[in-house]
Structures are given as C-alpha cells and as structure tokens.
Amino acid sequence: MHTIVFRLIALATTAGSLAACGNQNDNRAAPTDWLSTDTCALVDSSDLATVFENPAQVRATRRTDPTGPFCEWTSMAGFNSLQVGLMTAPPGFENVKPMQVRSFGIGGHTVSVGSEERGNCNVGIFYDNYRLTISIHPDRAKMAGSTANCDAQKPLIERITARVDQI
C-alpha cells in the first residue's frame, strides 16, 4: 500500500513540478546510465537511523519497474518507511498544473515538496531526464515537531541527493 501511495504522490508531484519548473536550468545533468543505479545504495545505516527507531530490524525491498529503479525500507510492523526511486517523466506531463506544496533548494537543485503532514515528507528532485523521489514516513520517535516536516528531513534529503550527483 505504501508503494502505491508513494508512486501516486511521486507521479502527481512530477507532473506538477514539471509544469512549475518550465525551462529552469538549476538542476544538474542526469547520470549516464541511471536505470542501472542501485537505489538501495543511496542510503546508508546512519540515514536509516534518522528515520527508524531500530534500523537493525528494517528490511529493504529493491525492484525496477517501467518507471525506473526503486528501493523501500520498511519497519517490521510495516507502518514506517523510507522510499527512494529514480523515475522517468512520461510525455505530456509538462502540461499538467502544479501540485506541489512548496519547494526549497539543496545543492543547486530545486526540491519539490509533494506533501508533508503527520511527520511525513514526500519530495521530488528533477534532473534532465529523470526524477529522484524520496518519501519519508518516520517512526513516531523520529518525527519532527515542526509542521514543516520536510525541513526537518533536509539533511537526509541532501545526503541522498549528493550521492545521486556522484553517479
């Protein structure tokens, strides 16, 4: 269920952000072969510790679907997760109205916030021909007290984005 919701949010944010971004040139070029990227390798154990109360009991699921590679870490109970994906943007999405809550900058990238509520944060970062999507649903003990939940997750988003930049 989390995966379906993540993909729908990512798709909606992609559509809206593409329309909002237009011809902005603030995002870096895409890696040469991003479809072969191991998205699970974009997150390390210290990153998991910022999302999960007991990162040793988190399981990762790796897969590639028609939109690109994807990795999801979930708690044993299945209520909390961290999802990272690299997705292509289907043709015509540049004509869809924006659906982002807000945006902010990290490392020369525009980060489009698709949603942030109840401690959760869903963002997308656009590259030339793909989009990095990150969805963070932390354990209650790891939730930020702020209503701007993605602000609290900026260090994690920045670390993941920096790793993608090195591909």
N, C-alpha and C. Protein backbone atom coordinates (compact mmCIF):
# COMPACT_ATOMS: atom_id res chain seq x y z
N MET A 1 0.82 -1.20 0.00
CA MET A 1 0.00 0.00 0.00
C MET A 1 0.86 1.26 0.00
N HIS A 2 1.93 1.25 0.85
CA HIS A 2 2.82 2.41 0.89
C HIS A 2 3.41 2.68 -0.49
N THR A 3 3.78 1.62 -1.21
CA THR A 3 4.41 1.77 -2.51
C THR A 3 3.46 2.41 -3.51
N ILE A 4 2.22 1.98 -3.52
CA ILE A 4 1.24 2.56 -4.45
C ILE A 4 1.04 4.03 -4.14
N VAL A 5 0.88 4.36 -2.87
CA VAL A 5 0.71 5.76 -2.48
C VAL A 5 1.94 6.57 -2.85
N PHE A 6 3.13 6.01 -2.60
CA PHE A 6 4.39 6.69 -2.95
C PHE A 6 4.44 6.98 -4.43
N ARG A 7 4.13 5.98 -5.26
CA ARG A 7 4.18 6.17 -6.71
C ARG A 7 3.16 7.20 -7.17
N LEU A 8 1.95 7.19 -6.59
CA LEU A 8 0.94 8.18 -6.97
C LEU A 8 1.38 9.59 -6.58
N ILE A 9 1.91 9.74 -5.37
CA ILE A 9 2.39 11.04 -4.93
C ILE A 9 3.55 11.49 -5.80
N ALA A 10 4.46 10.57 -6.08
CA ALA A 10 5.61 10.90 -6.92
C ALA A 10 5.17 11.31 -8.32
N LEU A 11 4.19 10.61 -8.87
CA LEU A 11 3.70 10.93 -10.20
C LEU A 11 3.01 12.28 -10.22
N ALA A 12 2.19 12.56 -9.21
CA ALA A 12 1.50 13.85 -9.13
C ALA A 12 2.50 14.99 -8.94
N THR A 13 3.48 14.78 -8.08
CA THR A 13 4.49 15.81 -7.86
C THR A 13 5.32 16.01 -9.11
N THR A 14 5.62 14.93 -9.81
CA THR A 14 6.36 15.04 -11.06
C THR A 14 5.60 15.90 -12.05
N ALA A 15 4.34 15.61 -12.19
CA ALA A 15 3.52 16.35 -13.14
C ALA A 15 3.48 17.83 -12.78
N GLY A 16 3.19 18.11 -11.54
CA GLY A 16 3.09 19.49 -11.12
C GLY A 16 4.40 20.23 -11.17
N SER A 17 5.45 19.57 -10.76
CA SER A 17 6.74 20.23 -10.72
C SER A 17 7.29 20.48 -12.12
N LEU A 18 7.02 19.57 -13.03
CA LEU A 18 7.46 19.79 -14.40
C LEU A 18 6.80 21.04 -14.96
N ALA A 19 5.52 21.20 -14.66
CA ALA A 19 4.81 22.38 -15.15
C ALA A 19 5.35 23.64 -14.47
N ALA A 20 5.66 23.53 -13.19
CA ALA A 20 6.15 24.69 -12.45
C ALA A 20 7.57 25.06 -12.85
N CYS A 21 8.38 24.07 -13.19
CA CYS A 21 9.78 24.33 -13.48
C CYS A 21 10.00 24.92 -14.86
N GLY A 22 9.18 24.57 -15.82
CA GLY A 22 9.34 25.11 -17.16
C GLY A 22 10.73 24.82 -17.69
N ASN A 23 11.47 25.86 -18.03
CA ASN A 23 12.80 25.70 -18.59
C ASN A 23 13.89 26.10 -17.60
N GLN A 24 13.65 25.92 -16.32
CA GLN A 24 14.67 26.27 -15.34
C GLN A 24 15.89 25.40 -15.57
N ASN A 25 17.06 25.99 -15.38
CA ASN A 25 18.31 25.27 -15.60
C ASN A 25 19.08 25.06 -14.31
N ASP A 26 18.39 24.99 -13.16
CA ASP A 26 19.10 24.88 -11.89
C ASP A 26 19.42 23.43 -11.52
N ASN A 27 18.97 22.47 -12.29
CA ASN A 27 19.23 21.08 -11.96
C ASN A 27 20.35 20.52 -12.82
N ARG A 28 21.11 19.61 -12.23
CA ARG A 28 22.27 19.04 -12.92
C ARG A 28 21.86 17.98 -13.93
N ALA A 29 22.77 17.66 -14.81
CA ALA A 29 22.54 16.63 -15.81
C ALA A 29 22.38 15.27 -15.14
N ALA A 30 21.68 14.39 -15.83
CA ALA A 30 21.42 13.06 -15.31
C ALA A 30 22.66 12.18 -15.45
N PRO A 31 22.77 11.17 -14.58
CA PRO A 31 23.85 10.21 -14.74
C PRO A 31 23.74 9.53 -16.10
N THR A 32 24.84 9.01 -16.59
CA THR A 32 24.87 8.39 -17.91
C THR A 32 23.91 7.21 -18.00
N ASP A 33 23.90 6.34 -17.01
CA ASP A 33 23.06 5.15 -17.04
C ASP A 33 22.29 5.03 -15.74
N TRP A 34 21.37 5.93 -15.50
CA TRP A 34 20.68 5.97 -14.22
C TRP A 34 19.75 4.78 -14.02
N LEU A 35 19.28 4.13 -15.09
CA LEU A 35 18.39 2.98 -14.93
C LEU A 35 19.08 1.81 -14.23
N SER A 36 20.40 1.76 -14.28
CA SER A 36 21.12 0.68 -13.60
C SER A 36 21.55 1.07 -12.18
N THR A 37 21.13 2.23 -11.73
CA THR A 37 21.50 2.70 -10.39
C THR A 37 20.88 1.81 -9.31
N ASP A 38 21.69 1.43 -8.35
CA ASP A 38 21.21 0.68 -7.19
C ASP A 38 20.67 1.71 -6.19
N THR A 39 19.36 1.92 -6.19
CA THR A 39 18.77 2.94 -5.32
C THR A 39 18.93 2.58 -3.84
N CYS A 40 19.08 1.31 -3.53
CA CYS A 40 19.31 0.93 -2.13
C CYS A 40 20.67 1.42 -1.64
N ALA A 41 21.62 1.56 -2.56
CA ALA A 41 22.96 2.04 -2.19
C ALA A 41 22.99 3.54 -1.94
N LEU A 42 21.90 4.24 -2.21
CA LEU A 42 21.85 5.69 -1.99
C LEU A 42 21.58 6.04 -0.53
N VAL A 43 21.34 5.02 0.30
CA VAL A 43 21.03 5.22 1.72
C VAL A 43 21.93 4.31 2.53
N ASP A 44 22.51 4.86 3.60
CA ASP A 44 23.36 4.02 4.46
C ASP A 44 22.72 3.86 5.84
N SER A 45 23.39 3.11 6.70
CA SER A 45 22.81 2.80 8.02
C SER A 45 22.60 4.04 8.87
N SER A 46 23.46 5.05 8.74
CA SER A 46 23.25 6.28 9.52
C SER A 46 22.00 7.02 9.03
N ASP A 47 21.71 6.92 7.72
CA ASP A 47 20.48 7.52 7.20
C ASP A 47 19.26 6.80 7.77
N LEU A 48 19.32 5.48 7.82
CA LEU A 48 18.19 4.71 8.35
C LEU A 48 17.94 5.05 9.82
N ALA A 49 19.00 5.35 10.55
CA ALA A 49 18.86 5.69 11.97
C ALA A 49 18.12 7.01 12.17
N THR A 50 18.06 7.86 11.15
CA THR A 50 17.32 9.12 11.28
C THR A 50 15.82 8.92 11.04
N VAL A 51 15.45 7.77 10.49
CA VAL A 51 14.05 7.50 10.15
C VAL A 51 13.43 6.44 11.06
N PHE A 52 14.23 5.44 11.42
CA PHE A 52 13.71 4.30 12.17
C PHE A 52 14.30 4.23 13.57
N GLU A 53 13.46 3.87 14.53
CA GLU A 53 13.91 3.74 15.91
C GLU A 53 14.88 2.56 16.06
N ASN A 54 14.64 1.49 15.31
CA ASN A 54 15.51 0.32 15.36
C ASN A 54 15.93 -0.06 13.94
N PRO A 55 16.93 0.63 13.36
CA PRO A 55 17.31 0.40 11.98
C PRO A 55 17.81 -1.03 11.69
N ALA A 56 18.26 -1.74 12.71
CA ALA A 56 18.73 -3.12 12.50
C ALA A 56 17.59 -4.05 12.12
N GLN A 57 16.36 -3.67 12.43
CA GLN A 57 15.20 -4.51 12.12
C GLN A 57 14.45 -4.04 10.88
N VAL A 58 15.05 -3.16 10.11
CA VAL A 58 14.42 -2.65 8.89
C VAL A 58 14.79 -3.56 7.72
N ARG A 59 13.83 -3.81 6.85
CA ARG A 59 14.11 -4.62 5.67
C ARG A 59 14.00 -3.77 4.41
N ALA A 60 14.87 -4.04 3.45
CA ALA A 60 14.87 -3.29 2.19
C ALA A 60 14.30 -4.15 1.07
N THR A 61 13.53 -3.52 0.20
CA THR A 61 13.00 -4.18 -0.98
C THR A 61 13.46 -3.40 -2.19
N ARG A 62 14.16 -4.06 -3.09
CA ARG A 62 14.71 -3.42 -4.29
C ARG A 62 13.95 -3.96 -5.49
N ARG A 63 13.60 -3.06 -6.43
CA ARG A 63 13.00 -3.52 -7.67
C ARG A 63 13.14 -2.46 -8.75
N THR A 64 12.94 -2.87 -9.96
CA THR A 64 12.89 -1.96 -11.09
C THR A 64 11.57 -2.19 -11.80
N ASP A 65 10.81 -1.14 -11.97
CA ASP A 65 9.57 -1.26 -12.73
C ASP A 65 9.68 -0.38 -13.97
N PRO A 66 8.64 -0.27 -14.79
CA PRO A 66 8.75 0.50 -16.04
C PRO A 66 9.17 1.96 -15.86
N THR A 67 8.94 2.55 -14.68
CA THR A 67 9.32 3.95 -14.49
C THR A 67 10.75 4.10 -14.00
N GLY A 68 11.39 3.02 -13.51
CA GLY A 68 12.77 3.10 -13.06
C GLY A 68 13.05 2.31 -11.80
N PRO A 69 14.31 2.37 -11.28
CA PRO A 69 14.69 1.62 -10.08
C PRO A 69 14.12 2.26 -8.82
N PHE A 70 13.89 1.42 -7.82
CA PHE A 70 13.20 1.84 -6.61
C PHE A 70 13.67 0.99 -5.44
N CYS A 71 13.78 1.60 -4.26
CA CYS A 71 14.11 0.85 -3.05
C CYS A 71 13.24 1.37 -1.91
N GLU A 72 12.72 0.44 -1.14
CA GLU A 72 11.89 0.81 0.01
C GLU A 72 12.38 0.07 1.25
N TRP A 73 12.62 0.81 2.31
CA TRP A 73 12.96 0.26 3.60
C TRP A 73 11.72 0.37 4.47
N THR A 74 11.34 -0.71 5.13
CA THR A 74 10.16 -0.68 5.99
C THR A 74 10.48 -1.26 7.35
N SER A 75 9.78 -0.75 8.35
CA SER A 75 9.91 -1.30 9.69
C SER A 75 9.23 -2.66 9.72
N MET A 76 9.55 -3.45 10.71
CA MET A 76 8.97 -4.79 10.81
C MET A 76 7.44 -4.73 10.87
N ALA A 77 6.90 -3.72 11.51
CA ALA A 77 5.45 -3.57 11.60
C ALA A 77 4.85 -3.08 10.28
N GLY A 78 5.68 -2.51 9.43
CA GLY A 78 5.22 -2.05 8.13
C GLY A 78 4.58 -0.69 8.11
N PHE A 79 4.58 0.02 9.24
CA PHE A 79 3.92 1.33 9.29
C PHE A 79 4.84 2.47 8.88
N ASN A 80 6.13 2.27 8.99
CA ASN A 80 7.09 3.33 8.72
C ASN A 80 7.99 2.91 7.57
N SER A 81 8.38 3.91 6.76
CA SER A 81 9.18 3.57 5.59
C SER A 81 10.02 4.73 5.11
N LEU A 82 11.01 4.38 4.34
CA LEU A 82 11.82 5.33 3.57
C LEU A 82 11.86 4.76 2.16
N GLN A 83 11.48 5.56 1.19
CA GLN A 83 11.42 5.11 -0.20
C GLN A 83 12.23 6.05 -1.07
N VAL A 84 13.06 5.47 -1.93
CA VAL A 84 13.89 6.25 -2.84
C VAL A 84 13.72 5.63 -4.23
N GLY A 85 13.42 6.47 -5.21
CA GLY A 85 13.25 5.97 -6.56
C GLY A 85 13.80 6.94 -7.59
N LEU A 86 14.14 6.41 -8.74
CA LEU A 86 14.52 7.22 -9.89
C LEU A 86 13.49 6.93 -10.96
N MET A 87 12.81 7.97 -11.41
CA MET A 87 11.68 7.78 -12.31
C MET A 87 11.81 8.62 -13.57
N THR A 88 11.32 8.07 -14.67
CA THR A 88 11.21 8.86 -15.88
C THR A 88 9.92 9.67 -15.81
N ALA A 89 9.88 10.75 -16.55
CA ALA A 89 8.67 11.57 -16.62
C ALA A 89 7.97 11.26 -17.94
N PRO A 90 6.75 10.73 -17.89
CA PRO A 90 6.04 10.40 -19.13
C PRO A 90 5.79 11.64 -19.99
N PRO A 91 5.73 11.47 -21.30
CA PRO A 91 5.47 12.60 -22.19
C PRO A 91 4.15 13.29 -21.85
N GLY A 92 4.13 14.60 -21.99
CA GLY A 92 2.92 15.37 -21.75
C GLY A 92 2.76 15.89 -20.34
N PHE A 93 3.60 15.44 -19.39
CA PHE A 93 3.46 15.89 -18.02
C PHE A 93 3.79 17.36 -17.85
N GLU A 94 4.51 17.94 -18.78
CA GLU A 94 4.84 19.36 -18.67
C GLU A 94 3.61 20.25 -18.80
N ASN A 95 2.48 19.69 -19.24
CA ASN A 95 1.26 20.47 -19.42
C ASN A 95 0.28 20.35 -18.25
N VAL A 96 0.66 19.62 -17.21
CA VAL A 96 -0.22 19.41 -16.06
C VAL A 96 0.01 20.51 -15.04
N LYS A 97 -1.07 20.95 -14.37
CA LYS A 97 -0.97 22.01 -13.35
C LYS A 97 -0.12 21.56 -12.17
N PRO A 98 0.61 22.51 -11.54
CA PRO A 98 1.45 22.17 -10.38
C PRO A 98 0.63 21.63 -9.22
N MET A 99 1.18 20.62 -8.54
CA MET A 99 0.53 20.06 -7.35
C MET A 99 1.50 20.03 -6.18
N GLN A 100 2.52 20.84 -6.22
CA GLN A 100 3.47 20.84 -5.12
C GLN A 100 2.99 21.77 -4.02
N VAL A 101 3.35 21.42 -2.80
CA VAL A 101 3.02 22.22 -1.63
C VAL A 101 3.93 23.45 -1.58
N ARG A 102 5.21 23.20 -1.83
CA ARG A 102 6.22 24.26 -1.84
C ARG A 102 7.50 23.69 -2.40
N SER A 103 8.53 24.49 -2.49
CA SER A 103 9.83 24.00 -2.93
C SER A 103 10.93 24.69 -2.13
N PHE A 104 12.10 24.07 -2.13
CA PHE A 104 13.28 24.67 -1.50
C PHE A 104 14.50 24.17 -2.26
N GLY A 105 15.64 24.77 -2.00
CA GLY A 105 16.86 24.40 -2.71
C GLY A 105 17.80 23.58 -1.85
N ILE A 106 18.45 22.61 -2.51
CA ILE A 106 19.50 21.80 -1.87
C ILE A 106 20.55 21.52 -2.94
N GLY A 107 21.79 21.91 -2.66
CA GLY A 107 22.91 21.58 -3.54
C GLY A 107 22.71 21.95 -5.00
N GLY A 108 22.09 23.08 -5.28
CA GLY A 108 21.86 23.50 -6.65
C GLY A 108 20.63 22.90 -7.30
N HIS A 109 19.85 22.14 -6.54
CA HIS A 109 18.63 21.51 -7.04
C HIS A 109 17.40 22.19 -6.45
N THR A 110 16.33 22.18 -7.19
CA THR A 110 15.03 22.57 -6.66
C THR A 110 14.35 21.31 -6.16
N VAL A 111 14.00 21.30 -4.89
CA VAL A 111 13.32 20.16 -4.28
C VAL A 111 11.84 20.52 -4.21
N SER A 112 11.00 19.75 -4.91
CA SER A 112 9.56 19.98 -4.92
C SER A 112 8.90 19.12 -3.86
N VAL A 113 8.21 19.76 -2.92
CA VAL A 113 7.53 19.04 -1.85
C VAL A 113 6.13 18.68 -2.33
N GLY A 114 5.86 17.38 -2.42
CA GLY A 114 4.54 16.91 -2.85
C GLY A 114 3.56 16.90 -1.70
N SER A 115 4.04 16.54 -0.52
CA SER A 115 3.19 16.55 0.67
C SER A 115 4.09 16.49 1.90
N GLU A 116 3.56 17.06 2.98
CA GLU A 116 4.24 16.97 4.28
C GLU A 116 3.19 17.15 5.35
N GLU A 117 2.92 16.05 6.03
CA GLU A 117 1.93 16.09 7.11
C GLU A 117 2.13 14.90 8.03
N ARG A 118 1.69 15.06 9.26
CA ARG A 118 1.78 14.00 10.28
C ARG A 118 3.17 13.37 10.36
N GLY A 119 4.21 14.20 10.23
CA GLY A 119 5.58 13.71 10.35
C GLY A 119 6.18 13.18 9.07
N ASN A 120 5.39 13.09 8.01
CA ASN A 120 5.85 12.52 6.74
C ASN A 120 6.32 13.59 5.77
N CYS A 121 7.17 13.19 4.83
CA CYS A 121 7.72 14.12 3.84
C CYS A 121 7.87 13.39 2.51
N ASN A 122 7.31 13.95 1.45
CA ASN A 122 7.42 13.38 0.10
C ASN A 122 7.95 14.46 -0.83
N VAL A 123 9.11 14.19 -1.46
CA VAL A 123 9.73 15.20 -2.32
C VAL A 123 10.19 14.60 -3.64
N GLY A 124 10.43 15.49 -4.61
CA GLY A 124 10.99 15.10 -5.89
C GLY A 124 12.05 16.09 -6.31
N ILE A 125 13.13 15.60 -6.88
CA ILE A 125 14.22 16.44 -7.37
C ILE A 125 14.42 16.09 -8.84
N PHE A 126 14.31 17.09 -9.71
CA PHE A 126 14.39 16.85 -11.14
C PHE A 126 15.81 16.97 -11.67
N TYR A 127 16.13 16.04 -12.54
CA TYR A 127 17.36 16.08 -13.32
C TYR A 127 16.91 16.23 -14.78
N ASP A 128 17.83 16.20 -15.72
CA ASP A 128 17.46 16.43 -17.12
C ASP A 128 16.46 15.44 -17.67
N ASN A 129 16.61 14.15 -17.39
CA ASN A 129 15.70 13.18 -17.98
C ASN A 129 15.13 12.18 -16.98
N TYR A 130 15.22 12.47 -15.72
CA TYR A 130 14.62 11.63 -14.71
C TYR A 130 14.38 12.44 -13.44
N ARG A 131 13.74 11.81 -12.49
CA ARG A 131 13.39 12.46 -11.24
C ARG A 131 13.74 11.55 -10.08
N LEU A 132 14.42 12.10 -9.09
CA LEU A 132 14.70 11.41 -7.84
C LEU A 132 13.51 11.66 -6.93
N THR A 133 12.89 10.60 -6.42
CA THR A 133 11.78 10.75 -5.49
C THR A 133 12.18 10.16 -4.14
N ILE A 134 11.82 10.88 -3.09
CA ILE A 134 12.13 10.43 -1.72
C ILE A 134 10.86 10.60 -0.90
N SER A 135 10.47 9.53 -0.24
CA SER A 135 9.29 9.56 0.63
C SER A 135 9.72 9.06 2.01
N ILE A 136 9.51 9.89 3.03
CA ILE A 136 9.97 9.59 4.37
C ILE A 136 8.77 9.52 5.31
N HIS A 137 8.56 8.34 5.91
CA HIS A 137 7.48 8.12 6.89
C HIS A 137 8.14 7.57 8.15
N PRO A 138 8.67 8.46 8.99
CA PRO A 138 9.49 8.02 10.13
C PRO A 138 8.70 7.41 11.28
N ASP A 139 9.43 6.66 12.12
CA ASP A 139 8.85 6.18 13.37
C ASP A 139 8.43 7.40 14.19
N ARG A 140 7.41 7.21 15.03
CA ARG A 140 6.90 8.33 15.84
C ARG A 140 8.01 9.00 16.65
N ALA A 141 8.92 8.22 17.19
CA ALA A 141 10.02 8.77 17.99
C ALA A 141 10.97 9.62 17.16
N LYS A 142 10.95 9.45 15.84
CA LYS A 142 11.85 10.19 14.94
C LYS A 142 11.14 11.34 14.23
N MET A 143 9.86 11.53 14.51
CA MET A 143 9.11 12.60 13.84
C MET A 143 9.51 13.96 14.37
N ALA A 144 9.55 14.91 13.46
CA ALA A 144 9.87 16.29 13.82
C ALA A 144 8.64 16.94 14.44
N GLY A 145 8.82 17.83 15.38
CA GLY A 145 7.71 18.53 15.99
C GLY A 145 7.18 19.66 15.14
N SER A 146 7.88 19.99 14.07
CA SER A 146 7.51 21.10 13.21
C SER A 146 6.42 20.70 12.22
N THR A 147 5.60 21.69 11.79
CA THR A 147 4.62 21.41 10.75
C THR A 147 5.30 21.32 9.39
N ALA A 148 6.48 21.89 9.25
CA ALA A 148 7.26 21.80 8.01
C ALA A 148 8.17 20.58 8.12
N ASN A 149 7.59 19.40 8.01
CA ASN A 149 8.30 18.15 8.24
C ASN A 149 9.46 17.93 7.28
N CYS A 150 9.37 18.43 6.06
CA CYS A 150 10.47 18.25 5.12
C CYS A 150 11.67 19.10 5.52
N ASP A 151 11.44 20.20 6.21
CA ASP A 151 12.57 21.00 6.69
C ASP A 151 13.42 20.16 7.66
N ALA A 152 12.76 19.39 8.51
CA ALA A 152 13.48 18.54 9.46
C ALA A 152 14.23 17.42 8.75
N GLN A 153 13.78 17.04 7.56
CA GLN A 153 14.40 15.95 6.81
C GLN A 153 15.43 16.44 5.78
N LYS A 154 15.67 17.75 5.72
CA LYS A 154 16.62 18.29 4.74
C LYS A 154 18.00 17.63 4.79
N PRO A 155 18.58 17.36 5.96
CA PRO A 155 19.90 16.72 5.97
C PRO A 155 19.89 15.35 5.26
N LEU A 156 18.85 14.56 5.48
CA LEU A 156 18.74 13.26 4.83
C LEU A 156 18.55 13.43 3.32
N ILE A 157 17.67 14.34 2.92
CA ILE A 157 17.42 14.60 1.50
C ILE A 157 18.71 15.08 0.83
N GLU A 158 19.45 15.92 1.53
CA GLU A 158 20.71 16.44 0.98
C GLU A 158 21.75 15.32 0.78
N ARG A 159 21.85 14.40 1.75
CA ARG A 159 22.82 13.30 1.63
C ARG A 159 22.47 12.38 0.45
N ILE A 160 21.20 12.07 0.30
CA ILE A 160 20.77 11.20 -0.80
C ILE A 160 21.01 11.89 -2.14
N THR A 161 20.65 13.16 -2.22
CA THR A 161 20.84 13.92 -3.46
C THR A 161 22.33 14.01 -3.82
N ALA A 162 23.18 14.21 -2.84
CA ALA A 162 24.63 14.29 -3.09
C ALA A 162 25.15 12.96 -3.65
N ARG A 163 24.60 11.86 -3.18
CA ARG A 163 25.03 10.55 -3.69
C ARG A 163 24.58 10.36 -5.15
N VAL A 164 23.38 10.83 -5.48
CA VAL A 164 22.90 10.75 -6.86
C VAL A 164 23.79 11.62 -7.75
N ASP A 165 24.19 12.79 -7.26
CA ASP A 165 25.05 13.68 -8.04
C ASP A 165 26.39 13.02 -8.38
N GLN A 166 26.84 12.07 -7.58
CA GLN A 166 28.13 11.40 -7.81
C GLN A 166 28.04 10.24 -8.79
N ILE A 167 26.85 9.89 -9.20
CA ILE A 167 26.67 8.76 -10.12
C ILE A 167 27.21 9.13 -11.48
